[in-house]
Every structure is written in C-alpha cells, then in structure tokens.
Amino acid sequence: MTLETATSKDKEIPFDKLVALDDEVRASINLIHSGLAELQNINGGNDFYYLPFNLLSNGFEKLLKLIICFYHWEQYGQFPTMDDFKKSKKDNGHNLLYLKDKVTADYFVASTPALKDDLDTLTNNPTLNQLVDFLGEFGQYSRYYNLDVIISNPKQKSKDIKQLWERLETDLLLADKELFDKFKDNHKDIDKTKLDEIRKINDQVRTKTIVLLEIFARALTRQFTFGKLGQAQRFTGTIRTFLFLNDSDLGQRDYRELKK
C-alpha cells in the first residue's frame, strides 16, 4: 500500500496511525499464514501445537480488531477505544468469540450471496465457533496453564489446552462418519501399515481445521473490500492471500511453500 494521507468524510487519518494500520494489517495476515504453515508442520514427530495456536490467536485477534477500527473511522471519523474491544469492564479484550460475534452482529455487510454464506458460516457453524473459542481461550489464559499448575495459582482461569484441542479434533472426526469408521478399523490389531493410515487420518482431521480457518480468514478479509470499512480497501494487496481464496483451494494450499 502507498502510504498517503487518508480521509474519512471530512477528517484525515493521521499519518502515524496510517502507518500503524499498515503494519497491523500485514502482521495479521502474516501471523495467520504462519500459523497455518506451523499447523501443517504438525506430525508424529512434532506435536508442538503452542506455536500455531499462538500465531493464529494473535493474527485473528488483530484482524477482527482492525475491522472494528476501520468501521469506526468510516462511520464516526474516529477510532474505537479499548472498551469497544471488551465484553465487560473485567474482560481483557482478547475474547475472540466475543470479537467475532460483535463483528458479525454490528459491522458485517452481507450484500451478495457469497457474503451471506460467510455470515451464515460465521454465525451458525458450531465447529467454527468451537475453534474460535478455543483460540480465544488460548490467547487469554491457557498459554499459561502449565505455569499456573506449577505455582498453584489461586486465581487460575486457564484450562488444559491439550485436552481442549483433542476434544476439538475428536468432534471433527466424529462429524465425518466415513473417516471415523476408518479410524476405528485401523485401531484394531495395529501394525505399521495401520499406523501409517492413522497418521493419514490425523492429517485429514487437521486439514478440516485448516479449511475452517481459511473460511474464517476469507470471510473477514472480504469485508475489507465489500464491507463498510472505507479505507480498508487500500489494503487489498496485503490481504490477497485469503481474499482471493476459492472454494476449490480450501485445504489444498501448502502454506509452508506459499509466498507471503
């Protein structure tokens, strides 16, 4: 994006804020891209989920908050305050599910069939909601779970992130009867061949997660160009990774090889 003074109605965006917006848009897309790449790196020899969870949680939080920022500037000529990101005064502003619900309820434009599909998925897909809630839980509390256990933190709010992730993967597996039946069959009298099949099934479950995250990212970036976000349209080139994602591309990209 070429950094020039931007205007909304009769008010200019200060140059320092425009630079900060540019940095945040780039950071959000790069974090999500890197998070998906690290999720694809997970295998039998690498179960370090903390890295992709941290990247994805941070990236989607930034993207959701950017939508709120652009909308506020376009509609009111000023940027939101920290309270606009919080569910309540006690909230820490990192509740992804709340931010997602706020964006879809207050800032989302669904003026075309594709955008209506986006809104329906973001609002009514229980697995996506579970995934967003999971990433929000990780971003707010659960990255500190082990430390809370170690120090016996009396104010501990964190949950066991491994258990939450395993529950999510199990739900994805149970939702696909054919895949679940194959999983059960390969757990009988396990040998090397069946272990290879189980790994492939785990990869398929992980791909289902990636597809949901791609749909989420695409729906949010579409609002930059088709929503009522004004100056957000200037960043079309930066968000192209997800903006131009076709249905046929879902789950097919290798983010480890794809240029950011």
Protein backbone atom coordinates (compact mmCIF):
# COMPACT_ATOMS: atom_id res chain seq x y z
CA MET A 1 0.00 0.00 0.00
CA THR A 2 1.23 3.51 -0.79
CA LEU A 3 1.16 5.50 2.43
CA GLU A 4 -0.65 8.74 1.71
CA THR A 5 -2.90 10.76 3.95
CA ALA A 6 -6.30 9.03 4.08
CA THR A 7 -9.62 10.76 4.64
CA SER A 8 -12.98 9.67 6.02
CA LYS A 9 -15.79 12.12 5.41
CA ASP A 10 -14.13 15.44 6.38
CA LYS A 11 -11.37 14.09 8.61
CA GLU A 12 -7.89 12.83 7.79
CA ILE A 13 -6.28 9.75 9.31
CA PRO A 14 -3.08 10.96 10.97
CA PHE A 15 -0.02 9.63 9.19
CA ASP A 16 1.34 7.81 12.24
CA LYS A 17 -1.95 5.94 12.63
CA LEU A 18 -1.99 5.10 8.92
CA VAL A 19 1.49 3.59 9.25
CA ALA A 20 0.32 1.63 12.30
CA LEU A 21 -2.72 0.34 10.40
CA ASP A 22 -0.49 -0.79 7.55
CA ASP A 23 1.77 -2.65 10.00
CA GLU A 24 -1.18 -4.30 11.74
CA VAL A 25 -2.83 -5.49 8.53
CA ARG A 26 0.44 -7.02 7.36
CA ALA A 27 1.07 -8.56 10.77
CA SER A 28 -2.41 -10.10 10.99
CA ILE A 29 -2.15 -11.78 7.58
CA ASN A 30 1.42 -12.96 8.16
CA LEU A 31 0.54 -14.38 11.58
CA ILE A 32 -2.42 -16.33 10.20
CA HIS A 33 -0.36 -17.52 7.23
CA SER A 34 2.48 -18.63 9.52
CA GLY A 35 0.04 -20.25 11.93
CA LEU A 36 -1.46 -22.37 9.16
CA ALA A 37 2.04 -23.32 7.99
CA GLU A 38 3.01 -24.41 11.50
CA LEU A 39 -0.22 -26.37 11.82
CA GLN A 40 0.74 -28.21 8.64
CA ASN A 41 4.12 -28.97 10.22
CA ILE A 42 2.49 -30.99 12.99
CA ASN A 43 3.16 -34.72 12.60
CA GLY A 44 4.12 -37.79 14.57
CA GLY A 45 7.49 -36.30 15.40
CA ASN A 46 6.31 -32.75 16.07
CA ASP A 47 3.38 -32.11 18.38
CA PHE A 48 4.36 -28.55 19.36
CA TYR A 49 0.89 -27.04 18.96
CA TYR A 50 1.67 -23.98 21.05
CA LEU A 51 3.37 -22.18 18.16
CA PRO A 52 0.48 -22.39 15.63
CA PHE A 53 -2.08 -21.66 18.36
CA ASN A 54 -0.19 -18.55 19.42
CA LEU A 55 0.24 -17.31 15.85
CA LEU A 56 -3.38 -17.94 14.86
CA SER A 57 -4.86 -16.49 18.03
CA ASN A 58 -2.81 -13.32 17.66
CA GLY A 59 -3.47 -12.99 13.93
CA PHE A 60 -7.24 -13.37 14.10
CA GLU A 61 -7.48 -11.04 17.08
CA LYS A 62 -5.66 -8.34 15.12
CA LEU A 63 -7.83 -8.89 12.03
CA LEU A 64 -11.09 -8.67 13.98
CA LYS A 65 -9.98 -5.54 15.81
CA LEU A 66 -8.87 -3.94 12.54
CA ILE A 67 -12.38 -4.38 11.13
CA ILE A 68 -13.76 -2.56 14.16
CA CYS A 69 -11.15 0.19 13.75
CA PHE A 70 -11.85 0.76 10.06
CA TYR A 71 -15.61 0.73 10.60
CA HIS A 72 -15.42 3.28 13.42
CA TRP A 73 -13.27 5.59 11.34
CA GLU A 74 -15.56 5.33 8.33
CA GLN A 75 -18.76 5.86 10.29
CA TYR A 76 -17.69 8.23 13.08
CA GLY A 77 -14.43 9.80 11.94
CA GLN A 78 -12.59 8.45 14.96
CA PHE A 79 -11.07 5.19 16.10
CA PRO A 80 -12.57 3.00 18.83
CA THR A 81 -11.39 2.90 22.43
CA MET A 82 -10.19 -0.19 24.28
CA ASP A 83 -13.69 -0.59 25.76
CA ASP A 84 -15.03 -1.25 22.25
CA PHE A 85 -12.98 -4.46 22.22
CA LYS A 86 -14.25 -5.69 25.60
CA LYS A 87 -17.31 -7.70 26.56
CA SER A 88 -17.27 -6.10 30.01
CA LYS A 89 -15.04 -3.94 32.19
CA LYS A 90 -13.45 -7.11 33.59
CA ASP A 91 -12.75 -8.51 30.13
CA ASN A 92 -9.13 -8.31 28.95
CA GLY A 93 -10.03 -7.52 25.32
CA HIS A 94 -8.72 -10.82 23.95
CA ASN A 95 -12.01 -12.75 23.80
CA LEU A 96 -12.01 -13.92 20.17
CA LEU A 97 -15.51 -15.40 20.20
CA TYR A 98 -16.92 -12.14 21.55
CA LEU A 99 -14.99 -10.13 18.94
CA LYS A 100 -16.19 -12.44 16.17
CA ASP A 101 -19.81 -12.17 17.33
CA LYS A 102 -19.50 -8.39 17.66
CA VAL A 103 -18.12 -8.06 14.13
CA THR A 104 -20.83 -10.25 12.59
CA ALA A 105 -23.61 -8.51 14.52
CA ASP A 106 -22.54 -4.87 14.20
CA TYR A 107 -20.03 -4.43 11.37
CA PHE A 108 -20.67 -7.17 8.82
CA VAL A 109 -22.12 -6.49 5.37
CA ALA A 110 -23.88 -9.39 3.64
CA SER A 111 -24.96 -7.80 0.36
CA THR A 112 -24.07 -10.67 -2.01
CA PRO A 113 -24.72 -14.44 -1.95
CA ALA A 114 -21.06 -15.10 -1.08
CA LEU A 115 -21.13 -12.62 1.81
CA LYS A 116 -24.41 -14.09 3.04
CA ASP A 117 -22.77 -17.51 3.05
CA ASP A 118 -19.88 -16.01 5.02
CA LEU A 119 -22.23 -14.56 7.60
CA ASP A 120 -24.16 -17.81 7.90
CA THR A 121 -20.97 -19.80 8.44
CA LEU A 122 -19.50 -17.37 10.95
CA THR A 123 -22.78 -17.23 12.84
CA ASN A 124 -24.15 -20.75 12.67
CA ASN A 125 -21.26 -23.19 12.22
CA PRO A 126 -20.83 -24.76 15.68
CA THR A 127 -17.42 -26.25 14.88
CA LEU A 128 -16.07 -22.89 13.72
CA ASN A 129 -17.42 -21.28 16.88
CA GLN A 130 -15.75 -24.00 18.92
CA LEU A 131 -12.47 -23.38 17.10
CA VAL A 132 -12.64 -19.59 17.54
CA ASP A 133 -13.50 -20.04 21.21
CA PHE A 134 -10.55 -22.40 21.56
CA LEU A 135 -8.10 -19.90 20.05
CA GLY A 136 -9.54 -17.17 22.25
CA GLU A 137 -9.18 -19.34 25.33
CA PHE A 138 -5.57 -20.00 24.39
CA GLY A 139 -4.85 -16.32 23.79
CA GLN A 140 -6.43 -15.21 27.05
CA TYR A 141 -5.45 -17.85 29.57
CA SER A 142 -4.41 -21.33 28.51
CA ARG A 143 -0.94 -20.48 27.21
CA TYR A 144 -0.15 -20.11 30.92
CA TYR A 145 -1.82 -23.37 32.01
CA ASN A 146 1.35 -25.27 32.93
CA LEU A 147 2.80 -22.31 34.84
CA ASP A 148 -0.48 -21.93 36.74
CA VAL A 149 -0.26 -25.60 37.71
CA ILE A 150 3.40 -25.28 38.73
CA ILE A 151 2.84 -22.30 41.03
CA SER A 152 -0.63 -23.44 42.18
CA ASN A 153 -2.09 -20.12 41.07
CA PRO A 154 -5.16 -19.49 43.27
CA LYS A 155 -6.68 -17.26 40.57
CA GLN A 156 -6.12 -19.79 37.79
CA LYS A 157 -8.53 -19.38 34.88
CA SER A 158 -6.59 -21.41 32.34
CA LYS A 159 -7.66 -24.78 31.01
CA ASP A 160 -5.62 -27.71 29.74
CA ILE A 161 -5.05 -26.71 26.12
CA LYS A 162 -4.13 -30.25 25.07
CA GLN A 163 -7.46 -31.56 26.32
CA LEU A 164 -9.35 -28.77 24.57
CA TRP A 165 -7.55 -29.43 21.29
CA GLU A 166 -8.07 -33.20 21.49
CA ARG A 167 -11.78 -32.61 22.12
CA LEU A 168 -11.98 -30.37 19.06
CA GLU A 169 -10.18 -32.91 16.87
CA THR A 170 -12.42 -35.68 18.20
CA ASP A 171 -15.54 -33.66 17.35
CA LEU A 172 -14.23 -33.11 13.81
CA LEU A 173 -13.55 -36.82 13.47
CA LEU A 174 -16.96 -37.85 14.83
CA ALA A 175 -18.66 -35.47 12.39
CA ASP A 176 -17.25 -37.47 9.46
CA LYS A 177 -18.71 -40.98 9.76
CA GLU A 178 -16.65 -42.46 6.94
CA LEU A 179 -13.42 -41.11 8.39
CA PHE A 180 -14.39 -42.19 11.91
CA ASP A 181 -15.17 -45.74 10.77
CA LYS A 182 -11.79 -45.90 9.04
CA PHE A 183 -10.15 -44.63 12.23
CA LYS A 184 -11.82 -47.34 14.31
CA ASP A 185 -10.90 -50.09 11.85
CA ASN A 186 -7.24 -49.10 11.91
CA HIS A 187 -7.12 -49.19 15.70
CA LYS A 188 -7.78 -52.93 15.69
CA ASP A 189 -4.65 -55.09 15.79
CA ILE A 190 -2.38 -52.15 15.00
CA ASP A 191 0.63 -52.79 12.76
CA LYS A 192 2.93 -50.48 10.78
CA THR A 193 0.52 -50.22 7.85
CA LYS A 194 -2.34 -49.26 10.13
CA LEU A 195 -0.16 -46.74 11.94
CA ASP A 196 0.51 -45.06 8.60
CA GLU A 197 -3.24 -44.97 7.94
CA ILE A 198 -3.89 -43.45 11.35
CA ARG A 199 -1.35 -40.72 10.60
CA LYS A 200 -3.11 -40.01 7.31
CA ILE A 201 -6.45 -39.79 9.12
CA ASN A 202 -4.95 -37.37 11.65
CA ASP A 203 -3.68 -35.27 8.74
CA GLN A 204 -7.19 -35.24 7.25
CA VAL A 205 -8.67 -34.07 10.55
CA ARG A 206 -6.04 -31.33 10.74
CA THR A 207 -6.91 -30.30 7.18
CA LYS A 208 -10.55 -29.91 8.24
CA THR A 209 -9.34 -27.46 10.88
CA ILE A 210 -7.30 -25.57 8.31
CA VAL A 211 -10.31 -25.32 5.98
CA LEU A 212 -12.39 -23.74 8.75
CA LEU A 213 -9.63 -21.25 9.50
CA GLU A 214 -9.28 -20.40 5.80
CA ILE A 215 -13.02 -19.79 5.54
CA PHE A 216 -12.84 -17.57 8.63
CA ALA A 217 -9.91 -15.56 7.24
CA ARG A 218 -11.54 -15.22 3.82
CA ALA A 219 -14.82 -14.01 5.30
CA LEU A 220 -13.07 -11.33 7.35
CA THR A 221 -10.84 -10.10 4.52
CA ARG A 222 -13.82 -9.89 2.14
CA GLN A 223 -15.24 -7.22 4.42
CA PHE A 224 -12.19 -5.07 3.64
CA THR A 225 -13.33 -4.76 0.03
CA PHE A 226 -17.10 -5.37 0.16
CA GLY A 227 -18.00 -4.07 3.61
CA LYS A 228 -18.47 -0.59 5.01
CA LEU A 229 -14.87 -0.24 6.10
CA GLY A 230 -13.84 2.68 3.91
CA GLN A 231 -10.06 2.97 3.97
CA ALA A 232 -9.68 -0.79 4.44
CA GLN A 233 -9.97 -1.10 0.66
CA ARG A 234 -6.48 0.37 0.39
CA PHE A 235 -5.08 -2.88 1.77
CA THR A 236 -6.47 -5.26 -0.86
CA GLY A 237 -2.98 -6.24 -1.98
CA THR A 238 -1.90 -7.08 1.56
CA ILE A 239 -4.86 -9.37 2.26
CA ARG A 240 -4.87 -11.12 -1.14
CA THR A 241 -3.68 -14.45 0.34
CA PHE A 242 -7.14 -15.04 1.80
CA LEU A 243 -9.27 -12.52 -0.10
CA PHE A 244 -8.92 -14.41 -3.39
CA LEU A 245 -9.16 -17.89 -1.90
CA ASN A 246 -11.56 -20.03 -3.99
CA ASP A 247 -13.65 -22.87 -2.60
CA SER A 248 -11.58 -25.26 -4.71
CA ASP A 249 -8.44 -24.02 -2.91
CA LEU A 250 -9.72 -24.77 0.59
CA GLY A 251 -7.48 -27.29 2.31
CA GLN A 252 -5.28 -27.60 -0.78
CA ARG A 253 -2.60 -24.99 -0.14
CA ASP A 254 0.75 -25.72 1.42
CA TYR A 255 1.37 -22.58 3.48
CA ARG A 256 4.93 -23.74 4.16
CA GLU A 257 5.72 -23.21 0.47
CA LEU A 258 3.30 -20.39 -0.39
CA LYS A 259 4.93 -16.97 -0.56
CA LYS A 260 3.52 -14.45 1.91
